[in-house]
Amino acid sequence: MRSQTWHSVGVLSTAGLAFVLAIVLGVAFGAWIDRTLDSSPIGFFAFFVIGLVAGVLNVYRISARYLRDTADERSQTRSDASPD
């Protein structure tokens, strides 16, 4: 039970980090584009939105994989525990 809790904490941490990192990278790249092309604030906002969408997709993918894996584990545990 304790390892399952730590696994859940790890997955949630991964999802949160992936979300924040995607936004930070998008903002950083947008700011760099703005400085390079002197297009402030178009690049910042454009890549902020792209980073936000990428972050949401990352969280969705991580969550879907985690939910699928836990559902598989539960069904396997039930089939192992059922009498033959």
PDB file of N, CA and C in Angstrom:
ATOM      1  N   MET A   1       0.826  -1.192   0.000  1.00  0.00           N
ATOM      2  CA  MET A   1       0.000   0.000   0.000  1.00  0.00           C
ATOM      3  C   MET A   1       0.865   1.249   0.000  1.00  0.00           C
ATOM      4  N   ARG A   2       1.950   1.218   0.767  1.00  0.00           N
ATOM      5  CA  ARG A   2       2.819   2.389   0.868  1.00  0.00           C
ATOM      6  C   ARG A   2       3.518   2.664  -0.467  1.00  0.00           C
ATOM      7  N   SER A   3       3.927   1.623  -1.187  1.00  0.00           N
ATOM      8  CA  SER A   3       4.596   1.846  -2.469  1.00  0.00           C
ATOM      9  C   SER A   3       3.622   2.423  -3.491  1.00  0.00           C
ATOM     10  N   GLN A   4       2.355   2.036  -3.398  1.00  0.00           N
ATOM     11  CA  GLN A   4       1.355   2.599  -4.296  1.00  0.00           C
ATOM     12  C   GLN A   4       1.176   4.093  -4.035  1.00  0.00           C
ATOM     13  N   THR A   5       1.230   4.494  -2.775  1.00  0.00           N
ATOM     14  CA  THR A   5       1.128   5.913  -2.429  1.00  0.00           C
ATOM     15  C   THR A   5       2.301   6.685  -3.001  1.00  0.00           C
ATOM     16  N   TRP A   6       3.505   6.152  -2.851  1.00  0.00           N
ATOM     17  CA  TRP A   6       4.672   6.831  -3.399  1.00  0.00           C
ATOM     18  C   TRP A   6       4.639   6.864  -4.918  1.00  0.00           C
ATOM     19  N   HIS A   7       4.101   5.828  -5.526  1.00  0.00           N
ATOM     20  CA  HIS A   7       3.948   5.823  -6.984  1.00  0.00           C
ATOM     21  C   HIS A   7       2.993   6.932  -7.405  1.00  0.00           C
ATOM     22  N   SER A   8       1.900   7.094  -6.680  1.00  0.00           N
ATOM     23  CA  SER A   8       0.943   8.163  -6.985  1.00  0.00           C
ATOM     24  C   SER A   8       1.577   9.536  -6.825  1.00  0.00           C
ATOM     25  N   VAL A   9       2.359   9.715  -5.765  1.00  0.00           N
ATOM     26  CA  VAL A   9       3.053  10.989  -5.544  1.00  0.00           C
ATOM     27  C   VAL A   9       4.022  11.260  -6.685  1.00  0.00           C
ATOM     28  N   GLY A  10       4.718  10.247  -7.130  1.00  0.00           N
ATOM     29  CA  GLY A  10       5.654  10.404  -8.241  1.00  0.00           C
ATOM     30  C   GLY A  10       4.965  10.806  -9.527  1.00  0.00           C
ATOM     31  N   VAL A  11       3.845  10.176  -9.811  1.00  0.00           N
ATOM     32  CA  VAL A  11       3.100  10.493 -11.034  1.00  0.00           C
ATOM     33  C   VAL A  11       2.560  11.922 -10.975  1.00  0.00           C
ATOM     34  N   LEU A  12       2.011  12.300  -9.822  1.00  0.00           N
ATOM     35  CA  LEU A  12       1.493  13.665  -9.678  1.00  0.00           C
ATOM     36  C   LEU A  12       2.614  14.692  -9.785  1.00  0.00           C
ATOM     37  N   SER A  13       3.765  14.390  -9.217  1.00  0.00           N
ATOM     38  CA  SER A  13       4.904  15.295  -9.322  1.00  0.00           C
ATOM     39  C   SER A  13       5.360  15.433 -10.766  1.00  0.00           C
ATOM     40  N   THR A  14       5.393  14.327 -11.474  1.00  0.00           N
ATOM     41  CA  THR A  14       5.774  14.351 -12.875  1.00  0.00           C
ATOM     42  C   THR A  14       4.810  15.199 -13.693  1.00  0.00           C
ATOM     43  N   ALA A  15       3.524  15.032 -13.432  1.00  0.00           N
ATOM     44  CA  ALA A  15       2.520  15.804 -14.169  1.00  0.00           C
ATOM     45  C   ALA A  15       2.661  17.301 -13.880  1.00  0.00           C
ATOM     46  N   GLY A  16       2.841  17.654 -12.616  1.00  0.00           N
ATOM     47  CA  GLY A  16       2.990  19.059 -12.268  1.00  0.00           C
ATOM     48  C   GLY A  16       4.244  19.671 -12.857  1.00  0.00           C
ATOM     49  N   LEU A  17       5.349  18.939 -12.789  1.00  0.00           N
ATOM     50  CA  LEU A  17       6.601  19.433 -13.341  1.00  0.00           C
ATOM     51  C   LEU A  17       6.516  19.585 -14.860  1.00  0.00           C
ATOM     52  N   ALA A  18       5.897  18.625 -15.524  1.00  0.00           N
ATOM     53  CA  ALA A  18       5.752  18.698 -16.981  1.00  0.00           C
ATOM     54  C   ALA A  18       4.897  19.898 -17.386  1.00  0.00           C
ATOM     55  N   PHE A  19       3.852  20.183 -16.610  1.00  0.00           N
ATOM     56  CA  PHE A  19       2.978  21.312 -16.900  1.00  0.00           C
ATOM     57  C   PHE A  19       3.744  22.630 -16.774  1.00  0.00           C
ATOM     58  N   VAL A  20       4.415  22.806 -15.648  1.00  0.00           N
ATOM     59  CA  VAL A  20       5.143  24.057 -15.396  1.00  0.00           C
ATOM     60  C   VAL A  20       6.304  24.214 -16.375  1.00  0.00           C
ATOM     61  N   LEU A  21       7.027  23.153 -16.628  1.00  0.00           N
ATOM     62  CA  LEU A  21       8.177  23.221 -17.521  1.00  0.00           C
ATOM     63  C   LEU A  21       7.764  23.591 -18.948  1.00  0.00           C
ATOM     64  N   ALA A  22       6.656  23.053 -19.421  1.00  0.00           N
ATOM     65  CA  ALA A  22       6.190  23.395 -20.766  1.00  0.00           C
ATOM     66  C   ALA A  22       5.869  24.884 -20.869  1.00  0.00           C
ATOM     67  N   ILE A  23       5.234  25.438 -19.847  1.00  0.00           N
ATOM     68  CA  ILE A  23       4.901  26.860 -19.864  1.00  0.00           C
ATOM     69  C   ILE A  23       6.169  27.711 -19.783  1.00  0.00           C
ATOM     70  N   VAL A  24       7.083  27.347 -18.894  1.00  0.00           N
ATOM     71  CA  VAL A  24       8.322  28.117 -18.739  1.00  0.00           C
ATOM     72  C   VAL A  24       9.133  28.099 -20.031  1.00  0.00           C
ATOM     73  N   LEU A  25       9.246  26.938 -20.655  1.00  0.00           N
ATOM     74  CA  LEU A  25       9.988  26.861 -21.916  1.00  0.00           C
ATOM     75  C   LEU A  25       9.303  27.664 -23.017  1.00  0.00           C
ATOM     76  N   GLY A  26       7.979  27.620 -23.062  1.00  0.00           N
ATOM     77  CA  GLY A  26       7.252  28.417 -24.050  1.00  0.00           C
ATOM     78  C   GLY A  26       7.467  29.904 -23.850  1.00  0.00           C
ATOM     79  N   VAL A  27       7.384  30.354 -22.610  1.00  0.00           N
ATOM     80  CA  VAL A  27       7.586  31.776 -22.308  1.00  0.00           C
ATOM     81  C   VAL A  27       9.026  32.187 -22.619  1.00  0.00           C
ATOM     82  N   ALA A  28       9.990  31.361 -22.238  1.00  0.00           N
ATOM     83  CA  ALA A  28      11.397  31.685 -22.496  1.00  0.00           C
ATOM     84  C   ALA A  28      11.667  31.781 -23.998  1.00  0.00           C
ATOM     85  N   PHE A  29      11.140  30.830 -24.748  1.00  0.00           N
ATOM     86  CA  PHE A  29      11.343  30.866 -26.203  1.00  0.00           C
ATOM     87  C   PHE A  29      10.637  32.067 -26.817  1.00  0.00           C
ATOM     88  N   GLY A  30       9.432  32.368 -26.344  1.00  0.00           N
ATOM     89  CA  GLY A  30       8.712  33.537 -26.854  1.00  0.00           C
ATOM     90  C   GLY A  30       9.433  34.837 -26.554  1.00  0.00           C
ATOM     91  N   ALA A  31       9.998  34.944 -25.357  1.00  0.00           N
ATOM     92  CA  ALA A  31      10.763  36.141 -25.002  1.00  0.00           C
ATOM     93  C   ALA A  31      12.018  36.255 -25.868  1.00  0.00           C
ATOM     94  N   TRP A  32      12.669  35.120 -26.123  1.00  0.00           N
ATOM     95  CA  TRP A  32      13.850  35.131 -26.989  1.00  0.00           C
ATOM     96  C   TRP A  32      13.468  35.565 -28.413  1.00  0.00           C
ATOM     97  N   ILE A  33      12.369  35.044 -28.916  1.00  0.00           N
ATOM     98  CA  ILE A  33      11.885  35.441 -30.249  1.00  0.00           C
ATOM     99  C   ILE A  33      11.609  36.938 -30.283  1.00  0.00           C
ATOM    100  N   ASP A  34      10.970  37.455 -29.236  1.00  0.00           N
ATOM    101  CA  ASP A  34      10.667  38.884 -29.185  1.00  0.00           C
ATOM    102  C   ASP A  34      11.942  39.728 -29.189  1.00  0.00           C
ATOM    103  N   ARG A  35      12.954  39.309 -28.437  1.00  0.00           N
ATOM    104  CA  ARG A  35      14.211  40.056 -28.424  1.00  0.00           C
ATOM    105  C   ARG A  35      14.926  39.975 -29.771  1.00  0.00           C
ATOM    106  N   THR A  36      14.880  38.795 -30.375  1.00  0.00           N
ATOM    107  CA  THR A  36      15.583  38.591 -31.638  1.00  0.00           C
ATOM    108  C   THR A  36      14.905  39.333 -32.788  1.00  0.00           C
ATOM    109  N   LEU A  37      13.595  39.248 -32.859  1.00  0.00           N
ATOM    110  CA  LEU A  37      12.855  39.844 -33.984  1.00  0.00           C
ATOM    111  C   LEU A  37      12.232  41.188 -33.656  1.00  0.00           C
ATOM    112  N   ASP A  38      12.429  41.662 -32.434  1.00  0.00           N
ATOM    113  CA  ASP A  38      11.844  42.921 -31.965  1.00  0.00           C
ATOM    114  C   ASP A  38      10.333  42.937 -32.231  1.00  0.00           C
ATOM    115  N   SER A  39       9.684  41.868 -31.776  1.00  0.00           N
ATOM    116  CA  SER A  39       8.243  41.711 -32.028  1.00  0.00           C
ATOM    117  C   SER A  39       7.431  41.681 -30.741  1.00  0.00           C
ATOM    118  N   SER A  40       7.951  42.315 -29.713  1.00  0.00           N
ATOM    119  CA  SER A  40       7.310  42.259 -28.396  1.00  0.00           C
ATOM    120  C   SER A  40       5.879  42.764 -28.451  1.00  0.00           C
ATOM    121  N   PRO A  41       4.941  42.175 -27.827  1.00  0.00           N
ATOM    122  CA  PRO A  41       4.848  40.961 -27.025  1.00  0.00           C
ATOM    123  C   PRO A  41       4.223  39.792 -27.780  1.00  0.00           C
ATOM    124  N   ILE A  42       4.245  39.820 -29.091  1.00  0.00           N
ATOM    125  CA  ILE A  42       3.570  38.796 -29.890  1.00  0.00           C
ATOM    126  C   ILE A  42       4.157  37.406 -29.634  1.00  0.00           C
ATOM    127  N   GLY A  43       5.467  37.281 -29.673  1.00  0.00           N
ATOM    128  CA  GLY A  43       6.110  35.991 -29.448  1.00  0.00           C
ATOM    129  C   GLY A  43       5.859  35.461 -28.047  1.00  0.00           C
ATOM    130  N   PHE A  44       5.921  36.368 -27.065  1.00  0.00           N
ATOM    131  CA  PHE A  44       5.682  35.974 -25.678  1.00  0.00           C
ATOM    132  C   PHE A  44       4.306  35.342 -25.530  1.00  0.00           C
ATOM    133  N   PHE A  45       3.276  36.035 -26.005  1.00  0.00           N
ATOM    134  CA  PHE A  45       1.911  35.517 -25.849  1.00  0.00           C
ATOM    135  C   PHE A  45       1.665  34.276 -26.695  1.00  0.00           C
ATOM    136  N   ALA A  46       2.199  34.261 -27.899  1.00  0.00           N
ATOM    137  CA  ALA A  46       1.997  33.103 -28.776  1.00  0.00           C
ATOM    138  C   ALA A  46       2.610  31.850 -28.160  1.00  0.00           C
ATOM    139  N   PHE A  47       3.847  31.965 -27.689  1.00  0.00           N
ATOM    140  CA  PHE A  47       4.503  30.787 -27.137  1.00  0.00           C
ATOM    141  C   PHE A  47       4.048  30.473 -25.721  1.00  0.00           C
ATOM    142  N   PHE A  48       3.487  31.457 -25.022  1.00  0.00           N
ATOM    143  CA  PHE A  48       2.847  31.154 -23.743  1.00  0.00           C
ATOM    144  C   PHE A  48       1.649  30.238 -23.983  1.00  0.00           C
ATOM    145  N   VAL A  49       0.846  30.568 -24.984  1.00  0.00           N
ATOM    146  CA  VAL A  49      -0.324  29.737 -25.298  1.00  0.00           C
ATOM    147  C   VAL A  49       0.118  28.354 -25.776  1.00  0.00           C
ATOM    148  N   ILE A  50       1.136  28.304 -26.611  1.00  0.00           N
ATOM    149  CA  ILE A  50       1.642  27.008 -27.076  1.00  0.00           C
ATOM    150  C   ILE A  50       2.160  26.185 -25.896  1.00  0.00           C
ATOM    151  N   GLY A  51       2.888  26.819 -24.974  1.00  0.00           N
ATOM    152  CA  GLY A  51       3.380  26.123 -23.787  1.00  0.00           C
ATOM    153  C   GLY A  51       2.245  25.652 -22.902  1.00  0.00           C
ATOM    154  N   LEU A  52       1.210  26.473 -22.767  1.00  0.00           N
ATOM    155  CA  LEU A  52       0.048  26.095 -21.960  1.00  0.00           C
ATOM    156  C   LEU A  52      -0.651  24.880 -22.551  1.00  0.00           C
ATOM    157  N   VAL A  53      -0.841  24.885 -23.860  1.00  0.00           N
ATOM    158  CA  VAL A  53      -1.483  23.737 -24.528  1.00  0.00           C
ATOM    159  C   VAL A  53      -0.615  22.488 -24.384  1.00  0.00           C
ATOM    160  N   ALA A  54       0.695  22.648 -24.561  1.00  0.00           N
ATOM    161  CA  ALA A  54       1.601  21.505 -24.411  1.00  0.00           C
ATOM    162  C   ALA A  54       1.566  20.971 -22.978  1.00  0.00           C
ATOM    163  N   GLY A  55       1.504  21.866 -22.014  1.00  0.00           N
ATOM    164  CA  GLY A  55       1.425  21.445 -20.613  1.00  0.00           C
ATOM    165  C   GLY A  55       0.159  20.677 -20.313  1.00  0.00           C
ATOM    166  N   VAL A  56      -0.956  21.156 -20.822  1.00  0.00           N
ATOM    167  CA  VAL A  56      -2.231  20.462 -20.605  1.00  0.00           C
ATOM    168  C   VAL A  56      -2.202  19.086 -21.274  1.00  0.00           C
ATOM    169  N   LEU A  57      -1.660  19.015 -22.475  1.00  0.00           N
ATOM    170  CA  LEU A  57      -1.553  17.707 -23.155  1.00  0.00           C
ATOM    171  C   LEU A  57      -0.650  16.748 -22.380  1.00  0.00           C
ATOM    172  N   ASN A  58       0.450  17.261 -21.835  1.00  0.00           N
ATOM    173  CA  ASN A  58       1.338  16.416 -21.028  1.00  0.00           C
ATOM    174  C   ASN A  58       0.609  15.864 -19.812  1.00  0.00           C
ATOM    175  N   VAL A  59      -0.116  16.727 -19.115  1.00  0.00           N
ATOM    176  CA  VAL A  59      -0.864  16.282 -17.932  1.00  0.00           C
ATOM    177  C   VAL A  59      -1.916  15.255 -18.335  1.00  0.00           C
ATOM    178  N   TYR A  60      -2.598  15.479 -19.440  1.00  0.00           N
ATOM    179  CA  TYR A  60      -3.609  14.534 -19.916  1.00  0.00           C
ATOM    180  C   TYR A  60      -2.988  13.167 -20.216  1.00  0.00           C
ATOM    181  N   ARG A  61      -1.861  13.169 -20.916  1.00  0.00           N
ATOM    182  CA  ARG A  61      -1.214  11.905 -21.271  1.00  0.00           C
ATOM    183  C   ARG A  61      -0.713  11.155 -20.043  1.00  0.00           C
ATOM    184  N   ILE A  62      -0.089  11.884 -19.122  1.00  0.00           N
ATOM    185  CA  ILE A  62       0.421  11.252 -17.905  1.00  0.00           C
ATOM    186  C   ILE A  62      -0.730  10.689 -17.073  1.00  0.00           C
ATOM    187  N   SER A  63      -1.805  11.476 -16.951  1.00  0.00           N
ATOM    188  CA  SER A  63      -2.961  11.029 -16.169  1.00  0.00           C
ATOM    189  C   SER A  63      -3.635   9.824 -16.807  1.00  0.00           C
ATOM    190  N   ALA A  64      -3.794   9.850 -18.107  1.00  0.00           N
ATOM    191  CA  ALA A  64      -4.434   8.729 -18.796  1.00  0.00           C
ATOM    192  C   ALA A  64      -3.616   7.452 -18.628  1.00  0.00           C
ATOM    193  N   ARG A  65      -2.292   7.567 -18.753  1.00  0.00           N
ATOM    194  CA  ARG A  65      -1.429   6.393 -18.584  1.00  0.00           C
ATOM    195  C   ARG A  65      -1.520   5.862 -17.153  1.00  0.00           C
ATOM    196  N   TYR A  66      -1.507   6.772 -16.173  1.00  0.00           N
ATOM    197  CA  TYR A  66      -1.593   6.359 -14.768  1.00  0.00           C
ATOM    198  C   TYR A  66      -2.929   5.685 -14.477  1.00  0.00           C
ATOM    199  N   LEU A  67      -4.013   6.269 -14.960  1.00  0.00           N
ATOM    200  CA  LEU A  67      -5.333   5.673 -14.725  1.00  0.00           C
ATOM    201  C   LEU A  67      -5.473   4.315 -15.408  1.00  0.00           C
ATOM    202  N   ARG A  68      -4.918   4.185 -16.606  1.00  0.00           N
ATOM    203  CA  ARG A  68      -4.963   2.903 -17.309  1.00  0.00           C
ATOM    204  C   ARG A  68      -4.153   1.849 -16.559  1.00  0.00           C
ATOM    205  N   ASP A  69      -2.971   2.241 -16.083  1.00  0.00           N
ATOM    206  CA  ASP A  69      -2.123   1.296 -15.350  1.00  0.00           C
ATOM    207  C   ASP A  69      -2.770   0.864 -14.037  1.00  0.00           C
ATOM    208  N   THR A  70      -3.371   1.806 -13.305  1.00  0.00           N
ATOM    209  CA  THR A  70      -4.007   1.436 -12.038  1.00  0.00           C
ATOM    210  C   THR A  70      -5.244   0.583 -12.282  1.00  0.00           C
ATOM    211  N   ALA A  71      -5.974   0.829 -13.360  1.00  0.00           N
ATOM    212  CA  ALA A  71      -7.134  -0.005 -13.676  1.00  0.00           C
ATOM    213  C   ALA A  71      -6.682  -1.418 -14.035  1.00  0.00           C
ATOM    214  N   ASP A  72      -5.582  -1.529 -14.780  1.00  0.00           N
ATOM    215  CA  ASP A  72      -5.039  -2.848 -15.114  1.00  0.00           C
ATOM    216  C   ASP A  72      -4.582  -3.595 -13.863  1.00  0.00           C
ATOM    217  N   GLU A  73      -3.935  -2.873 -12.939  1.00  0.00           N
ATOM    218  CA  GLU A  73      -3.485  -3.505 -11.692  1.00  0.00           C
ATOM    219  C   GLU A  73      -4.669  -3.973 -10.861  1.00  0.00           C
ATOM    220  N   ARG A  74      -5.714  -3.173 -10.798  1.00  0.00           N
ATOM    221  CA  ARG A  74      -6.896  -3.558 -10.021  1.00  0.00           C
ATOM    222  C   ARG A  74      -7.577  -4.771 -10.626  1.00  0.00           C
ATOM    223  N   SER A  75      -7.702  -4.787 -11.950  1.00  0.00           N
ATOM    224  CA  SER A  75      -8.354  -5.940 -12.572  1.00  0.00           C
ATOM    225  C   SER A  75      -7.497  -7.191 -12.423  1.00  0.00           C
ATOM    226  N   GLN A  76      -6.184  -7.041 -12.469  1.00  0.00           N
ATOM    227  CA  GLN A  76      -5.294  -8.185 -12.300  1.00  0.00           C
ATOM    228  C   GLN A  76      -5.359  -8.683 -10.858  1.00  0.00           C
ATOM    229  N   THR A  77      -5.436  -7.767  -9.897  1.00  0.00           N
ATOM    230  CA  THR A  77      -5.533  -8.154  -8.485  1.00  0.00           C
ATOM    231  C   THR A  77      -6.840  -8.900  -8.236  1.00  0.00           C
ATOM    232  N   ARG A  78      -7.922  -8.424  -8.825  1.00  0.00           N
ATOM    233  CA  ARG A  78      -9.219  -9.105  -8.659  1.00  0.00           C
ATOM    234  C   ARG A  78      -9.201 -10.486  -9.273  1.00  0.00           C
ATOM    235  N   SER A  79      -8.594 -10.622 -10.445  1.00  0.00           N
ATOM    236  CA  SER A  79      -8.570 -11.946 -11.092  1.00  0.00           C
ATOM    237  C   SER A  79      -7.637 -12.896 -10.342  1.00  0.00           C
ATOM    238  N   ASP A  80      -6.588 -12.370  -9.721  1.00  0.00           N
ATOM    239  CA  ASP A  80      -5.697 -13.222  -8.930  1.00  0.00           C
ATOM    240  C   ASP A  80      -6.361 -13.658  -7.631  1.00  0.00           C
ATOM    241  N   ALA A  81      -7.203 -12.815  -7.053  1.00  0.00           N
ATOM    242  CA  ALA A  81      -7.839 -13.099  -5.764  1.00  0.00           C
ATOM    243  C   ALA A  81      -9.101 -13.956  -5.906  1.00  0.00           C
ATOM    244  N   SER A  82      -9.650 -14.032  -7.102  1.00  0.00           N
ATOM    245  CA  SER A  82     -10.892 -14.796  -7.272  1.00  0.00           C
ATOM    246  C   SER A  82     -10.595 -16.290  -7.242  1.00  0.00           C
ATOM    247  N   PRO A  83     -11.483 -17.049  -6.615  1.00  0.00           N
ATOM    248  CA  PRO A  83     -11.268 -18.505  -6.554  1.00  0.00           C
ATOM    249  C   PRO A  83     -11.516 -19.130  -7.920  1.00  0.00           C
ATOM    250  N   ASP A  84     -10.730 -20.104  -8.238  1.00  0.00           N
ATOM    251  CA  ASP A  84     -10.882 -20.808  -9.528  1.00  0.00           C
ATOM    252  C   ASP A  84     -11.766 -22.007  -9.414  1.00  0.00           C
TER     253      ASP A  84
END
